[in-house]
N, C-alpha and C. Protein backbone atom coordinates (compact mmCIF):
# COMPACT_ATOMS: atom_id res chain seq x y z
N UNK A 1 -14.59 -21.02 -22.62
CA UNK A 1 -15.41 -20.56 -21.51
C UNK A 1 -16.60 -19.77 -22.05
N UNK A 2 -17.77 -19.98 -21.44
CA UNK A 2 -18.99 -19.29 -21.86
C UNK A 2 -19.47 -18.41 -20.71
N UNK A 3 -19.86 -17.20 -21.04
CA UNK A 3 -20.37 -16.27 -20.03
C UNK A 3 -21.69 -15.67 -20.48
N UNK A 4 -22.61 -15.50 -19.52
CA UNK A 4 -23.85 -14.78 -19.75
C UNK A 4 -23.88 -13.60 -18.79
N UNK A 5 -24.03 -12.41 -19.35
CA UNK A 5 -24.03 -11.19 -18.54
C UNK A 5 -25.38 -10.51 -18.68
N UNK A 6 -26.05 -10.35 -17.54
CA UNK A 6 -27.38 -9.76 -17.51
C UNK A 6 -27.31 -8.29 -17.11
N UNK A 7 -28.32 -7.54 -17.52
CA UNK A 7 -28.45 -6.15 -17.10
C UNK A 7 -29.91 -5.75 -17.20
N UNK A 8 -30.25 -4.66 -16.51
CA UNK A 8 -31.58 -4.08 -16.66
C UNK A 8 -32.51 -4.22 -15.48
N UNK A 9 -32.09 -4.92 -14.44
CA UNK A 9 -32.96 -5.05 -13.27
C UNK A 9 -33.04 -3.74 -12.49
N UNK A 10 -33.91 -3.72 -11.49
CA UNK A 10 -34.02 -2.52 -10.67
C UNK A 10 -35.30 -2.50 -9.87
N UNK A 11 -35.58 -1.33 -9.31
CA UNK A 11 -36.77 -1.10 -8.49
C UNK A 11 -37.75 -0.23 -9.26
N UNK A 12 -38.97 -0.72 -9.42
CA UNK A 12 -40.00 0.04 -10.11
C UNK A 12 -41.30 -0.04 -9.33
N UNK A 13 -42.23 0.84 -9.68
CA UNK A 13 -43.54 0.83 -9.05
C UNK A 13 -44.48 -0.07 -9.86
N UNK A 14 -45.53 -0.56 -9.22
CA UNK A 14 -46.51 -1.37 -9.95
C UNK A 14 -47.04 -0.63 -11.18
N UNK A 15 -47.16 -1.36 -12.28
CA UNK A 15 -47.64 -0.79 -13.53
C UNK A 15 -46.54 -0.27 -14.44
N UNK A 16 -45.34 -0.16 -13.92
CA UNK A 16 -44.23 0.33 -14.73
C UNK A 16 -43.58 -0.81 -15.52
N UNK A 17 -42.55 -0.45 -16.29
CA UNK A 17 -41.90 -1.41 -17.18
C UNK A 17 -40.40 -1.49 -16.90
N UNK A 18 -39.83 -2.62 -17.27
CA UNK A 18 -38.39 -2.83 -17.27
C UNK A 18 -38.02 -3.70 -18.45
N UNK A 19 -36.79 -3.53 -18.91
CA UNK A 19 -36.28 -4.39 -19.98
C UNK A 19 -34.98 -5.03 -19.52
N UNK A 20 -34.97 -6.34 -19.49
CA UNK A 20 -33.77 -7.09 -19.14
C UNK A 20 -33.04 -7.50 -20.41
N UNK A 21 -31.71 -7.52 -20.31
CA UNK A 21 -30.88 -7.98 -21.42
C UNK A 21 -29.90 -9.03 -20.90
N UNK A 22 -29.53 -9.94 -21.78
CA UNK A 22 -28.56 -10.97 -21.41
C UNK A 22 -27.73 -11.29 -22.64
N UNK A 23 -26.44 -11.03 -22.56
CA UNK A 23 -25.53 -11.26 -23.67
C UNK A 23 -24.65 -12.47 -23.37
N UNK A 24 -24.61 -13.40 -24.32
CA UNK A 24 -23.77 -14.59 -24.19
C UNK A 24 -22.50 -14.40 -24.99
N UNK A 25 -21.39 -14.78 -24.40
CA UNK A 25 -20.11 -14.70 -25.09
C UNK A 25 -19.28 -15.93 -24.76
N UNK A 26 -18.30 -16.18 -25.61
CA UNK A 26 -17.43 -17.32 -25.37
C UNK A 26 -17.43 -18.29 -26.53
N UNK A 27 -17.08 -19.52 -26.25
CA UNK A 27 -16.84 -20.51 -27.30
C UNK A 27 -18.09 -21.29 -27.69
N UNK A 28 -19.15 -20.54 -28.00
CA UNK A 28 -20.34 -21.20 -28.52
C UNK A 28 -20.14 -21.60 -29.97
N UNK A 29 -20.58 -22.79 -30.30
CA UNK A 29 -20.68 -23.19 -31.71
C UNK A 29 -22.08 -22.82 -32.20
N UNK A 30 -23.08 -23.16 -31.39
CA UNK A 30 -24.48 -22.82 -31.71
C UNK A 30 -25.24 -22.60 -30.41
N UNK A 31 -26.15 -21.63 -30.42
CA UNK A 31 -27.07 -21.44 -29.30
C UNK A 31 -28.45 -21.82 -29.78
N UNK A 32 -29.11 -22.71 -29.09
CA UNK A 32 -30.44 -23.14 -29.47
C UNK A 32 -31.48 -22.32 -28.71
N UNK A 33 -31.78 -22.69 -27.50
CA UNK A 33 -32.78 -21.97 -26.73
C UNK A 33 -32.13 -20.94 -25.81
N UNK A 34 -32.82 -19.82 -25.61
CA UNK A 34 -32.45 -18.83 -24.61
C UNK A 34 -33.71 -18.45 -23.85
N UNK A 35 -33.53 -17.96 -22.66
CA UNK A 35 -34.73 -17.59 -21.91
C UNK A 35 -34.42 -17.07 -20.53
N UNK A 36 -35.48 -16.97 -19.75
CA UNK A 36 -35.40 -16.39 -18.40
C UNK A 36 -36.17 -17.25 -17.41
N UNK A 37 -35.55 -17.46 -16.27
CA UNK A 37 -36.20 -18.01 -15.10
C UNK A 37 -36.21 -16.92 -14.03
N UNK A 38 -37.01 -17.12 -13.02
CA UNK A 38 -36.99 -16.22 -11.87
C UNK A 38 -37.18 -17.02 -10.59
N UNK A 39 -36.67 -16.45 -9.50
CA UNK A 39 -36.83 -17.08 -8.20
C UNK A 39 -37.13 -16.02 -7.16
N UNK A 40 -38.30 -16.13 -6.57
CA UNK A 40 -38.70 -15.23 -5.49
C UNK A 40 -38.31 -15.85 -4.15
N UNK A 41 -38.15 -15.03 -3.11
CA UNK A 41 -37.77 -15.56 -1.80
C UNK A 41 -38.74 -16.64 -1.32
N UNK A 42 -38.18 -17.78 -0.92
CA UNK A 42 -39.00 -18.85 -0.41
C UNK A 42 -39.72 -19.68 -1.46
N UNK A 43 -39.46 -19.38 -2.74
CA UNK A 43 -40.14 -20.11 -3.80
C UNK A 43 -39.13 -20.79 -4.70
N UNK A 44 -39.62 -21.76 -5.47
CA UNK A 44 -38.75 -22.45 -6.41
C UNK A 44 -38.53 -21.59 -7.66
N UNK A 45 -37.42 -21.88 -8.33
CA UNK A 45 -37.16 -21.18 -9.59
C UNK A 45 -38.19 -21.62 -10.62
N UNK A 46 -38.73 -20.65 -11.37
CA UNK A 46 -39.75 -20.96 -12.37
C UNK A 46 -39.38 -20.34 -13.70
N UNK A 47 -39.80 -21.02 -14.77
CA UNK A 47 -39.60 -20.49 -16.10
C UNK A 47 -40.51 -19.30 -16.34
N UNK A 48 -39.93 -18.22 -16.83
CA UNK A 48 -40.72 -17.04 -17.17
C UNK A 48 -41.03 -17.03 -18.67
N UNK A 49 -39.98 -17.15 -19.48
CA UNK A 49 -40.16 -17.12 -20.93
C UNK A 49 -38.95 -17.75 -21.60
N UNK A 50 -39.19 -18.34 -22.76
CA UNK A 50 -38.11 -18.97 -23.52
C UNK A 50 -38.33 -18.71 -24.99
N UNK A 51 -37.23 -18.71 -25.74
CA UNK A 51 -37.31 -18.48 -27.18
C UNK A 51 -36.32 -19.39 -27.87
N UNK A 52 -36.77 -20.04 -28.94
CA UNK A 52 -35.91 -20.91 -29.71
C UNK A 52 -35.04 -20.13 -30.67
N UNK A 53 -34.27 -20.85 -31.44
CA UNK A 53 -33.38 -20.19 -32.39
C UNK A 53 -34.16 -19.56 -33.54
N UNK A 54 -35.42 -19.97 -33.72
CA UNK A 54 -36.28 -19.35 -34.72
C UNK A 54 -37.14 -18.29 -34.09
N UNK A 55 -38.45 -18.46 -34.17
CA UNK A 55 -39.36 -17.46 -33.59
C UNK A 55 -40.27 -18.06 -32.53
N UNK A 56 -40.10 -19.34 -32.22
CA UNK A 56 -40.99 -19.96 -31.26
C UNK A 56 -40.72 -19.43 -29.86
N UNK A 57 -41.79 -19.13 -29.14
CA UNK A 57 -41.68 -18.60 -27.79
C UNK A 57 -42.60 -19.39 -26.85
N UNK A 58 -42.28 -19.29 -25.57
CA UNK A 58 -43.07 -19.95 -24.55
C UNK A 58 -43.08 -19.05 -23.33
N UNK A 59 -44.26 -18.86 -22.72
CA UNK A 59 -44.40 -17.97 -21.58
C UNK A 59 -45.11 -18.67 -20.43
N UNK A 60 -44.73 -18.28 -19.23
CA UNK A 60 -45.52 -18.69 -18.06
C UNK A 60 -46.87 -17.99 -18.13
N UNK A 61 -47.89 -18.67 -17.67
CA UNK A 61 -49.23 -18.12 -17.74
C UNK A 61 -49.35 -16.79 -17.01
N UNK A 62 -48.60 -16.62 -15.94
CA UNK A 62 -48.70 -15.41 -15.12
C UNK A 62 -48.14 -14.17 -15.81
N UNK A 63 -47.37 -14.35 -16.89
CA UNK A 63 -46.77 -13.19 -17.55
C UNK A 63 -47.27 -13.00 -18.98
N UNK A 64 -48.05 -13.92 -19.48
CA UNK A 64 -48.57 -13.80 -20.85
C UNK A 64 -49.33 -12.51 -21.02
N UNK A 65 -49.05 -11.82 -22.12
CA UNK A 65 -49.71 -10.56 -22.40
C UNK A 65 -49.03 -9.36 -21.77
N UNK A 66 -48.11 -9.60 -20.83
CA UNK A 66 -47.39 -8.50 -20.18
C UNK A 66 -45.90 -8.50 -20.53
N UNK A 67 -45.32 -9.69 -20.67
CA UNK A 67 -43.89 -9.81 -20.97
C UNK A 67 -43.71 -10.26 -22.42
N UNK A 68 -42.61 -9.79 -23.02
CA UNK A 68 -42.26 -10.20 -24.37
C UNK A 68 -40.79 -10.57 -24.42
N UNK A 69 -40.51 -11.77 -24.90
CA UNK A 69 -39.12 -12.19 -25.05
C UNK A 69 -38.71 -12.06 -26.51
N UNK A 70 -37.48 -11.66 -26.73
CA UNK A 70 -36.94 -11.55 -28.08
C UNK A 70 -35.45 -11.84 -28.03
N UNK A 71 -34.86 -12.05 -29.19
CA UNK A 71 -33.42 -12.30 -29.21
C UNK A 71 -32.81 -11.75 -30.48
N UNK A 72 -31.53 -11.43 -30.35
CA UNK A 72 -30.72 -10.96 -31.47
C UNK A 72 -29.66 -12.03 -31.68
N UNK A 73 -29.86 -12.87 -32.68
CA UNK A 73 -28.94 -13.99 -32.88
C UNK A 73 -27.53 -13.52 -33.26
N UNK A 74 -27.45 -12.42 -33.96
CA UNK A 74 -26.14 -11.92 -34.37
C UNK A 74 -25.31 -11.49 -33.16
N UNK A 75 -26.00 -11.07 -32.11
CA UNK A 75 -25.30 -10.61 -30.91
C UNK A 75 -25.41 -11.61 -29.77
N UNK A 76 -26.02 -12.77 -30.01
CA UNK A 76 -26.21 -13.78 -28.96
C UNK A 76 -26.82 -13.15 -27.70
N UNK A 77 -27.82 -12.35 -27.90
CA UNK A 77 -28.44 -11.60 -26.81
C UNK A 77 -29.94 -11.88 -26.75
N UNK A 78 -30.43 -12.06 -25.53
CA UNK A 78 -31.86 -12.26 -25.33
C UNK A 78 -32.38 -11.12 -24.46
N UNK A 79 -33.60 -10.69 -24.75
CA UNK A 79 -34.22 -9.57 -24.05
C UNK A 79 -35.54 -10.03 -23.43
N UNK A 80 -35.90 -9.38 -22.35
CA UNK A 80 -37.21 -9.60 -21.75
C UNK A 80 -37.83 -8.23 -21.45
N UNK A 81 -38.82 -7.87 -22.24
CA UNK A 81 -39.55 -6.63 -22.01
C UNK A 81 -40.69 -6.94 -21.05
N UNK A 82 -40.68 -6.28 -19.92
CA UNK A 82 -41.67 -6.54 -18.87
C UNK A 82 -42.52 -5.30 -18.68
N UNK A 83 -43.80 -5.41 -19.02
CA UNK A 83 -44.74 -4.30 -18.87
C UNK A 83 -45.76 -4.62 -17.79
N UNK A 84 -46.44 -3.58 -17.34
CA UNK A 84 -47.50 -3.75 -16.33
C UNK A 84 -47.02 -4.62 -15.16
N UNK A 85 -45.86 -4.28 -14.64
CA UNK A 85 -45.27 -5.09 -13.58
C UNK A 85 -46.12 -5.07 -12.32
N UNK A 86 -46.10 -6.21 -11.65
CA UNK A 86 -46.86 -6.39 -10.41
C UNK A 86 -45.92 -6.74 -9.27
N UNK A 87 -46.34 -6.50 -8.04
CA UNK A 87 -45.47 -6.88 -6.90
C UNK A 87 -45.08 -8.36 -6.93
N UNK A 88 -45.95 -9.20 -7.42
CA UNK A 88 -45.64 -10.63 -7.47
C UNK A 88 -44.60 -10.99 -8.53
N UNK A 89 -44.20 -10.02 -9.34
CA UNK A 89 -43.11 -10.24 -10.29
C UNK A 89 -41.74 -10.04 -9.62
N UNK A 90 -41.74 -9.59 -8.38
CA UNK A 90 -40.49 -9.38 -7.65
C UNK A 90 -39.75 -10.69 -7.49
N UNK A 91 -38.49 -10.72 -7.95
CA UNK A 91 -37.69 -11.93 -7.92
C UNK A 91 -36.29 -11.62 -8.46
N UNK A 92 -35.41 -12.59 -8.32
CA UNK A 92 -34.15 -12.55 -9.05
C UNK A 92 -34.38 -13.26 -10.38
N UNK A 93 -34.04 -12.59 -11.45
CA UNK A 93 -34.24 -13.12 -12.79
C UNK A 93 -32.91 -13.63 -13.34
N UNK A 94 -32.94 -14.88 -13.83
CA UNK A 94 -31.75 -15.52 -14.37
C UNK A 94 -31.96 -15.83 -15.85
N UNK A 95 -31.01 -15.45 -16.66
CA UNK A 95 -31.10 -15.85 -18.05
C UNK A 95 -30.32 -17.15 -18.25
N UNK A 96 -30.66 -17.87 -19.28
CA UNK A 96 -29.95 -19.10 -19.62
C UNK A 96 -29.82 -19.20 -21.13
N UNK A 97 -28.85 -19.99 -21.52
CA UNK A 97 -28.65 -20.30 -22.93
C UNK A 97 -28.31 -21.77 -23.04
N UNK A 98 -29.01 -22.47 -23.90
CA UNK A 98 -28.76 -23.89 -24.14
C UNK A 98 -28.16 -24.02 -25.52
N UNK A 99 -26.96 -24.57 -25.57
CA UNK A 99 -26.32 -24.66 -26.86
C UNK A 99 -25.12 -25.58 -26.86
N UNK A 100 -24.40 -25.53 -27.95
CA UNK A 100 -23.24 -26.40 -28.15
C UNK A 100 -21.97 -25.56 -28.16
N UNK A 101 -21.06 -25.92 -27.29
CA UNK A 101 -19.73 -25.32 -27.31
C UNK A 101 -18.75 -26.41 -27.68
N UNK A 102 -17.48 -26.12 -27.62
CA UNK A 102 -16.48 -27.12 -27.95
C UNK A 102 -16.49 -28.28 -26.97
N UNK A 103 -17.09 -28.02 -25.78
CA UNK A 103 -17.19 -29.08 -24.77
C UNK A 103 -18.43 -29.93 -24.91
N UNK A 104 -19.30 -29.59 -25.86
CA UNK A 104 -20.53 -30.35 -26.05
C UNK A 104 -21.76 -29.53 -25.71
N UNK A 105 -22.91 -30.21 -25.58
CA UNK A 105 -24.16 -29.55 -25.26
C UNK A 105 -24.23 -29.23 -23.78
N UNK A 106 -24.72 -28.04 -23.45
CA UNK A 106 -24.85 -27.68 -22.05
C UNK A 106 -25.78 -26.48 -21.91
N UNK A 107 -26.22 -26.25 -20.69
CA UNK A 107 -27.00 -25.07 -20.35
C UNK A 107 -26.14 -24.15 -19.50
N UNK A 108 -26.11 -22.89 -19.89
CA UNK A 108 -25.30 -21.89 -19.19
C UNK A 108 -26.23 -20.87 -18.55
N UNK A 109 -25.79 -20.32 -17.42
CA UNK A 109 -26.63 -19.42 -16.63
C UNK A 109 -25.94 -18.09 -16.38
N UNK A 110 -26.76 -17.05 -16.31
CA UNK A 110 -26.27 -15.76 -15.88
C UNK A 110 -26.23 -15.70 -14.36
N UNK A 111 -25.72 -14.58 -13.84
CA UNK A 111 -25.52 -14.44 -12.40
C UNK A 111 -26.79 -14.00 -11.69
N UNK A 112 -27.78 -13.56 -12.44
CA UNK A 112 -29.04 -13.11 -11.85
C UNK A 112 -29.09 -11.60 -11.69
N UNK A 113 -30.27 -11.05 -11.89
CA UNK A 113 -30.48 -9.62 -11.69
C UNK A 113 -31.79 -9.43 -10.92
N UNK A 114 -31.75 -8.55 -9.92
CA UNK A 114 -32.89 -8.36 -9.04
C UNK A 114 -33.92 -7.43 -9.69
N UNK A 115 -35.16 -7.86 -9.67
CA UNK A 115 -36.28 -7.02 -10.08
C UNK A 115 -37.20 -6.89 -8.87
N UNK A 116 -37.44 -5.65 -8.46
CA UNK A 116 -38.31 -5.38 -7.31
C UNK A 116 -39.43 -4.45 -7.75
N UNK A 117 -40.66 -4.87 -7.53
CA UNK A 117 -41.83 -4.07 -7.88
C UNK A 117 -42.55 -3.72 -6.58
N UNK A 118 -42.50 -2.44 -6.26
CA UNK A 118 -43.05 -2.02 -4.98
C UNK A 118 -43.43 -0.56 -5.03
N UNK A 119 -44.50 -0.21 -4.33
CA UNK A 119 -44.88 1.19 -4.24
C UNK A 119 -44.28 1.83 -2.99
């Protein structure tokens, strides 16, 4: 069984920062990509940032220069540092991990953490 546990969401004012964490545990053989999606009310889920098993990263245009994704491979943990937050960043943030377990290749998801940016 594979589990992703997220933490770090909350309510902040515009311009403030938050750091999200997501730890993967279970019967992983290898984790390839990790990252974050978000879904705002009434909108489709969108990719926020992704990071490969090396150093390659990918960001949505709306967060480039404000958000930074990183990972600790030894701890199977991915982080999302979010700076200069805006009200439009308000959403439920979901982490994912794409990798190989004993059951084969699959994508696993966290339960989601709410980020609210409001004055």
